[in-house]
Amino acid sequence: MIIKYITFLTGIIWSYSIIKTQSVFDKKAGLIFKLFISKVSWLTLIAACYFGYKNFSIQSTIIGIASGVILVHIGFYFLRKLLVSKFSEKKLSLFKVFLEYSLIAWVVYYIFF
């Protein structure tokens, strides 16, 4: 039973962290991210919630969902603080642009090849 609950929490944290990552990108890359990656993550999150509802009590399911969402927000908060303290704004913006164009190139490559 504990392994099932850990699997449920992992699914919640995994899918919600990918959904939360969408907010980091600009509109161009965010649109591509939303169309190709975020839709699957929303389906995974819904499936994980359904899995929790079917296998555990409603209270355990709600606690698992809430704790997963809170853990993702705390993780993003501390990751942001760490990145801002380690790197300058210019380096962070260059890396963000690199990631956005890499995502666009990856999607174009995936579509055509």
N, C-alpha and C. Protein backbone atom coordinates (compact mmCIF):
# COMPACT_ATOMS: atom_id res chain seq x y z
N MET A 1 0.82 -1.19 0.00
CA MET A 1 0.00 0.00 0.00
C MET A 1 0.87 1.26 0.00
N ILE A 2 1.98 1.21 0.71
CA ILE A 2 2.87 2.37 0.77
C ILE A 2 3.50 2.61 -0.60
N ILE A 3 3.84 1.54 -1.30
CA ILE A 3 4.44 1.68 -2.63
C ILE A 3 3.44 2.32 -3.60
N LYS A 4 2.17 1.94 -3.49
CA LYS A 4 1.15 2.55 -4.33
C LYS A 4 1.02 4.04 -4.05
N TYR A 5 1.07 4.42 -2.76
CA TYR A 5 0.92 5.83 -2.41
C TYR A 5 2.14 6.63 -2.85
N ILE A 6 3.33 6.05 -2.73
CA ILE A 6 4.54 6.73 -3.21
C ILE A 6 4.48 6.90 -4.73
N THR A 7 3.98 5.91 -5.43
CA THR A 7 3.80 6.02 -6.88
C THR A 7 2.80 7.11 -7.22
N PHE A 8 1.73 7.19 -6.46
CA PHE A 8 0.73 8.24 -6.65
C PHE A 8 1.35 9.62 -6.44
N LEU A 9 2.11 9.80 -5.37
CA LEU A 9 2.77 11.09 -5.11
C LEU A 9 3.79 11.43 -6.18
N THR A 10 4.52 10.44 -6.64
CA THR A 10 5.51 10.67 -7.70
C THR A 10 4.82 11.13 -8.98
N GLY A 11 3.71 10.52 -9.33
CA GLY A 11 2.96 10.92 -10.51
C GLY A 11 2.43 12.34 -10.40
N ILE A 12 1.93 12.69 -9.23
CA ILE A 12 1.43 14.06 -9.00
C ILE A 12 2.57 15.07 -9.13
N ILE A 13 3.67 14.81 -8.44
CA ILE A 13 4.81 15.75 -8.45
C ILE A 13 5.39 15.86 -9.86
N TRP A 14 5.57 14.74 -10.53
CA TRP A 14 6.15 14.73 -11.88
C TRP A 14 5.29 15.53 -12.86
N SER A 15 4.01 15.22 -12.90
CA SER A 15 3.15 15.87 -13.89
C SER A 15 2.95 17.35 -13.56
N TYR A 16 2.79 17.70 -12.29
CA TYR A 16 2.57 19.10 -11.95
C TYR A 16 3.84 19.92 -12.15
N SER A 17 5.01 19.32 -11.93
CA SER A 17 6.25 20.09 -12.15
C SER A 17 6.43 20.40 -13.64
N ILE A 18 6.03 19.50 -14.52
CA ILE A 18 6.11 19.78 -15.95
C ILE A 18 5.10 20.86 -16.34
N ILE A 19 3.92 20.81 -15.74
CA ILE A 19 2.91 21.85 -16.00
C ILE A 19 3.42 23.20 -15.51
N LYS A 20 4.04 23.22 -14.35
CA LYS A 20 4.56 24.46 -13.78
C LYS A 20 5.73 25.00 -14.61
N THR A 21 6.49 24.14 -15.24
CA THR A 21 7.62 24.56 -16.07
C THR A 21 7.15 25.41 -17.25
N GLN A 22 5.95 25.20 -17.69
CA GLN A 22 5.40 25.96 -18.82
C GLN A 22 5.44 27.45 -18.55
N SER A 23 5.26 27.88 -17.31
CA SER A 23 5.21 29.30 -16.99
C SER A 23 6.58 29.98 -17.12
N VAL A 24 7.65 29.22 -17.23
CA VAL A 24 8.99 29.79 -17.33
C VAL A 24 9.26 30.33 -18.73
N PHE A 25 8.68 29.71 -19.75
CA PHE A 25 8.99 30.05 -21.13
C PHE A 25 8.19 31.26 -21.60
N ASP A 26 8.72 31.93 -22.65
CA ASP A 26 8.00 33.03 -23.29
C ASP A 26 6.82 32.47 -24.08
N LYS A 27 6.08 33.39 -24.73
CA LYS A 27 4.86 32.97 -25.41
C LYS A 27 5.11 32.03 -26.58
N LYS A 28 6.17 32.27 -27.38
CA LYS A 28 6.44 31.39 -28.53
C LYS A 28 6.73 29.96 -28.07
N ALA A 29 7.73 29.85 -27.23
CA ALA A 29 8.11 28.52 -26.75
C ALA A 29 7.05 27.97 -25.80
N GLY A 30 6.39 28.85 -25.07
CA GLY A 30 5.33 28.41 -24.16
C GLY A 30 4.18 27.80 -24.91
N LEU A 31 3.86 28.34 -26.08
CA LEU A 31 2.79 27.78 -26.90
C LEU A 31 3.16 26.39 -27.39
N ILE A 32 4.38 26.24 -27.87
CA ILE A 32 4.84 24.92 -28.32
C ILE A 32 4.89 23.95 -27.15
N PHE A 33 5.38 24.42 -26.02
CA PHE A 33 5.44 23.59 -24.82
C PHE A 33 4.03 23.18 -24.40
N LYS A 34 3.11 24.12 -24.48
CA LYS A 34 1.73 23.84 -24.08
C LYS A 34 1.09 22.81 -25.01
N LEU A 35 1.31 22.95 -26.31
CA LEU A 35 0.68 22.05 -27.27
C LEU A 35 1.22 20.62 -27.20
N PHE A 36 2.53 20.48 -27.04
CA PHE A 36 3.12 19.16 -27.18
C PHE A 36 3.44 18.46 -25.86
N ILE A 37 3.74 19.20 -24.82
CA ILE A 37 4.18 18.57 -23.58
C ILE A 37 3.17 18.74 -22.46
N SER A 38 2.65 19.93 -22.32
CA SER A 38 1.77 20.22 -21.19
C SER A 38 0.45 19.46 -21.26
N LYS A 39 -0.08 19.23 -22.46
CA LYS A 39 -1.33 18.49 -22.59
C LYS A 39 -1.19 17.07 -22.03
N VAL A 40 -0.08 16.42 -22.34
CA VAL A 40 0.16 15.09 -21.82
C VAL A 40 0.30 15.13 -20.30
N SER A 41 0.94 16.17 -19.79
CA SER A 41 1.11 16.29 -18.34
C SER A 41 -0.21 16.51 -17.63
N TRP A 42 -1.11 17.27 -18.23
CA TRP A 42 -2.44 17.44 -17.64
C TRP A 42 -3.18 16.12 -17.60
N LEU A 43 -3.08 15.35 -18.66
CA LEU A 43 -3.72 14.03 -18.68
C LEU A 43 -3.10 13.11 -17.63
N THR A 44 -1.78 13.19 -17.46
CA THR A 44 -1.11 12.39 -16.45
C THR A 44 -1.54 12.81 -15.05
N LEU A 45 -1.69 14.10 -14.83
CA LEU A 45 -2.14 14.59 -13.53
C LEU A 45 -3.56 14.12 -13.23
N ILE A 46 -4.42 14.19 -14.21
CA ILE A 46 -5.80 13.72 -14.02
C ILE A 46 -5.82 12.22 -13.76
N ALA A 47 -5.00 11.49 -14.50
CA ALA A 47 -4.93 10.03 -14.29
C ALA A 47 -4.39 9.70 -12.89
N ALA A 48 -3.40 10.46 -12.43
CA ALA A 48 -2.86 10.24 -11.09
C ALA A 48 -3.90 10.54 -10.02
N CYS A 49 -4.67 11.61 -10.22
CA CYS A 49 -5.74 11.93 -9.26
C CYS A 49 -6.79 10.83 -9.24
N TYR A 50 -7.14 10.31 -10.40
CA TYR A 50 -8.11 9.22 -10.49
C TYR A 50 -7.56 7.95 -9.82
N PHE A 51 -6.28 7.67 -10.05
CA PHE A 51 -5.63 6.53 -9.41
C PHE A 51 -5.69 6.66 -7.89
N GLY A 52 -5.42 7.87 -7.40
CA GLY A 52 -5.49 8.09 -5.96
C GLY A 52 -6.89 7.94 -5.43
N TYR A 53 -7.86 8.43 -6.17
CA TYR A 53 -9.27 8.33 -5.74
C TYR A 53 -9.73 6.87 -5.69
N LYS A 54 -9.31 6.07 -6.66
CA LYS A 54 -9.74 4.68 -6.70
C LYS A 54 -9.04 3.80 -5.67
N ASN A 55 -7.80 4.13 -5.32
CA ASN A 55 -7.02 3.25 -4.44
C ASN A 55 -6.95 3.70 -2.98
N PHE A 56 -7.24 4.95 -2.71
CA PHE A 56 -7.11 5.47 -1.36
C PHE A 56 -8.38 6.20 -0.97
N SER A 57 -8.44 6.62 0.28
CA SER A 57 -9.59 7.40 0.72
C SER A 57 -9.51 8.80 0.10
N ILE A 58 -10.63 9.49 0.11
CA ILE A 58 -10.67 10.83 -0.47
C ILE A 58 -9.76 11.78 0.31
N GLN A 59 -9.66 11.56 1.61
CA GLN A 59 -8.80 12.39 2.44
C GLN A 59 -7.32 12.18 2.08
N SER A 60 -6.92 10.93 1.92
CA SER A 60 -5.53 10.64 1.53
C SER A 60 -5.22 11.18 0.14
N THR A 61 -6.18 11.12 -0.75
CA THR A 61 -5.98 11.63 -2.10
C THR A 61 -5.80 13.14 -2.09
N ILE A 62 -6.65 13.83 -1.36
CA ILE A 62 -6.55 15.30 -1.29
C ILE A 62 -5.25 15.72 -0.61
N ILE A 63 -4.87 15.03 0.45
CA ILE A 63 -3.60 15.34 1.12
C ILE A 63 -2.43 15.10 0.17
N GLY A 64 -2.46 14.04 -0.61
CA GLY A 64 -1.40 13.75 -1.57
C GLY A 64 -1.30 14.80 -2.67
N ILE A 65 -2.45 15.19 -3.19
CA ILE A 65 -2.46 16.22 -4.24
C ILE A 65 -1.95 17.55 -3.69
N ALA A 66 -2.44 17.94 -2.53
CA ALA A 66 -2.01 19.21 -1.92
C ALA A 66 -0.52 19.19 -1.59
N SER A 67 -0.04 18.10 -1.02
CA SER A 67 1.38 18.04 -0.68
C SER A 67 2.25 18.03 -1.94
N GLY A 68 1.82 17.37 -3.00
CA GLY A 68 2.57 17.38 -4.25
C GLY A 68 2.67 18.76 -4.86
N VAL A 69 1.55 19.48 -4.88
CA VAL A 69 1.54 20.84 -5.43
C VAL A 69 2.41 21.77 -4.58
N ILE A 70 2.31 21.64 -3.27
CA ILE A 70 3.13 22.48 -2.38
C ILE A 70 4.61 22.17 -2.55
N LEU A 71 4.97 20.91 -2.67
CA LEU A 71 6.38 20.55 -2.87
C LEU A 71 6.93 21.11 -4.18
N VAL A 72 6.14 21.08 -5.22
CA VAL A 72 6.59 21.63 -6.50
C VAL A 72 6.79 23.14 -6.39
N HIS A 73 5.87 23.84 -5.75
CA HIS A 73 6.02 25.29 -5.61
C HIS A 73 7.22 25.63 -4.74
N ILE A 74 7.44 24.90 -3.67
CA ILE A 74 8.62 25.14 -2.83
C ILE A 74 9.89 24.85 -3.60
N GLY A 75 9.91 23.77 -4.36
CA GLY A 75 11.09 23.44 -5.17
C GLY A 75 11.41 24.51 -6.20
N PHE A 76 10.39 25.02 -6.89
CA PHE A 76 10.62 26.08 -7.86
C PHE A 76 11.09 27.37 -7.18
N TYR A 77 10.55 27.67 -6.01
CA TYR A 77 10.95 28.87 -5.28
C TYR A 77 12.43 28.80 -4.91
N PHE A 78 12.87 27.68 -4.32
CA PHE A 78 14.27 27.56 -3.91
C PHE A 78 15.20 27.44 -5.11
N LEU A 79 14.76 26.81 -6.18
CA LEU A 79 15.58 26.74 -7.39
C LEU A 79 15.78 28.13 -7.98
N ARG A 80 14.73 28.94 -7.98
CA ARG A 80 14.85 30.31 -8.48
C ARG A 80 15.82 31.12 -7.63
N LYS A 81 15.71 31.00 -6.32
CA LYS A 81 16.63 31.72 -5.43
C LYS A 81 18.07 31.28 -5.66
N LEU A 82 18.28 29.98 -5.84
CA LEU A 82 19.63 29.47 -6.06
C LEU A 82 20.20 29.98 -7.38
N LEU A 83 19.40 29.94 -8.44
CA LEU A 83 19.89 30.40 -9.74
C LEU A 83 20.18 31.89 -9.75
N VAL A 84 19.33 32.68 -9.11
CA VAL A 84 19.56 34.12 -9.07
C VAL A 84 20.81 34.45 -8.26
N SER A 85 21.06 33.70 -7.20
CA SER A 85 22.25 33.98 -6.38
C SER A 85 23.53 33.52 -7.06
N LYS A 86 23.48 32.48 -7.90
CA LYS A 86 24.68 31.95 -8.55
C LYS A 86 25.05 32.65 -9.85
N PHE A 87 24.02 33.10 -10.60
CA PHE A 87 24.26 33.64 -11.93
C PHE A 87 23.69 35.04 -12.05
N SER A 88 24.25 35.82 -12.98
CA SER A 88 23.72 37.16 -13.24
C SER A 88 22.44 37.06 -14.07
N GLU A 89 21.69 38.16 -14.09
CA GLU A 89 20.45 38.18 -14.87
C GLU A 89 20.73 37.99 -16.36
N LYS A 90 21.84 38.52 -16.84
CA LYS A 90 22.18 38.39 -18.25
C LYS A 90 22.42 36.92 -18.62
N LYS A 91 23.18 36.21 -17.79
CA LYS A 91 23.44 34.79 -18.06
C LYS A 91 22.16 33.97 -17.99
N LEU A 92 21.31 34.29 -17.03
CA LEU A 92 20.05 33.56 -16.91
C LEU A 92 19.15 33.80 -18.12
N SER A 93 19.09 35.05 -18.59
CA SER A 93 18.25 35.33 -19.75
C SER A 93 18.81 34.67 -21.02
N LEU A 94 20.14 34.64 -21.17
CA LEU A 94 20.74 33.95 -22.31
C LEU A 94 20.46 32.45 -22.26
N PHE A 95 20.55 31.87 -21.09
CA PHE A 95 20.27 30.44 -20.95
C PHE A 95 18.80 30.15 -21.23
N LYS A 96 17.92 31.05 -20.79
CA LYS A 96 16.49 30.87 -21.04
C LYS A 96 16.20 30.92 -22.54
N VAL A 97 16.80 31.88 -23.24
CA VAL A 97 16.61 31.98 -24.69
C VAL A 97 17.14 30.73 -25.38
N PHE A 98 18.31 30.25 -24.93
CA PHE A 98 18.87 29.02 -25.48
C PHE A 98 17.91 27.84 -25.29
N LEU A 99 17.34 27.72 -24.11
CA LEU A 99 16.38 26.63 -23.85
C LEU A 99 15.13 26.76 -24.72
N GLU A 100 14.65 27.98 -24.89
CA GLU A 100 13.46 28.18 -25.70
C GLU A 100 13.69 27.78 -27.15
N TYR A 101 14.79 28.24 -27.73
CA TYR A 101 15.08 27.89 -29.12
C TYR A 101 15.42 26.40 -29.27
N SER A 102 16.03 25.82 -28.25
CA SER A 102 16.28 24.38 -28.29
C SER A 102 14.98 23.60 -28.28
N LEU A 103 14.02 24.06 -27.50
CA LEU A 103 12.71 23.42 -27.45
C LEU A 103 12.01 23.52 -28.80
N ILE A 104 12.08 24.69 -29.42
CA ILE A 104 11.46 24.88 -30.74
C ILE A 104 12.14 23.98 -31.77
N ALA A 105 13.48 23.93 -31.73
CA ALA A 105 14.22 23.08 -32.68
C ALA A 105 13.90 21.61 -32.45
N TRP A 106 13.77 21.19 -31.20
CA TRP A 106 13.45 19.80 -30.88
C TRP A 106 12.08 19.43 -31.42
N VAL A 107 11.11 20.32 -31.27
CA VAL A 107 9.75 20.05 -31.75
C VAL A 107 9.74 19.99 -33.28
N VAL A 108 10.43 20.93 -33.92
CA VAL A 108 10.49 20.92 -35.39
C VAL A 108 11.17 19.63 -35.87
N TYR A 109 12.24 19.24 -35.23
CA TYR A 109 12.92 17.99 -35.59
C TYR A 109 11.98 16.80 -35.39
N TYR A 110 11.26 16.79 -34.30
CA TYR A 110 10.34 15.70 -34.00
C TYR A 110 9.21 15.61 -35.02
N ILE A 111 8.73 16.75 -35.48
CA ILE A 111 7.63 16.76 -36.45
C ILE A 111 8.10 16.28 -37.81
N PHE A 112 9.26 16.73 -38.27
CA PHE A 112 9.71 16.42 -39.61
C PHE A 112 10.50 15.14 -39.74
N PHE A 113 11.05 14.63 -38.66
CA PHE A 113 11.89 13.42 -38.77
C PHE A 113 11.34 12.39 -37.90
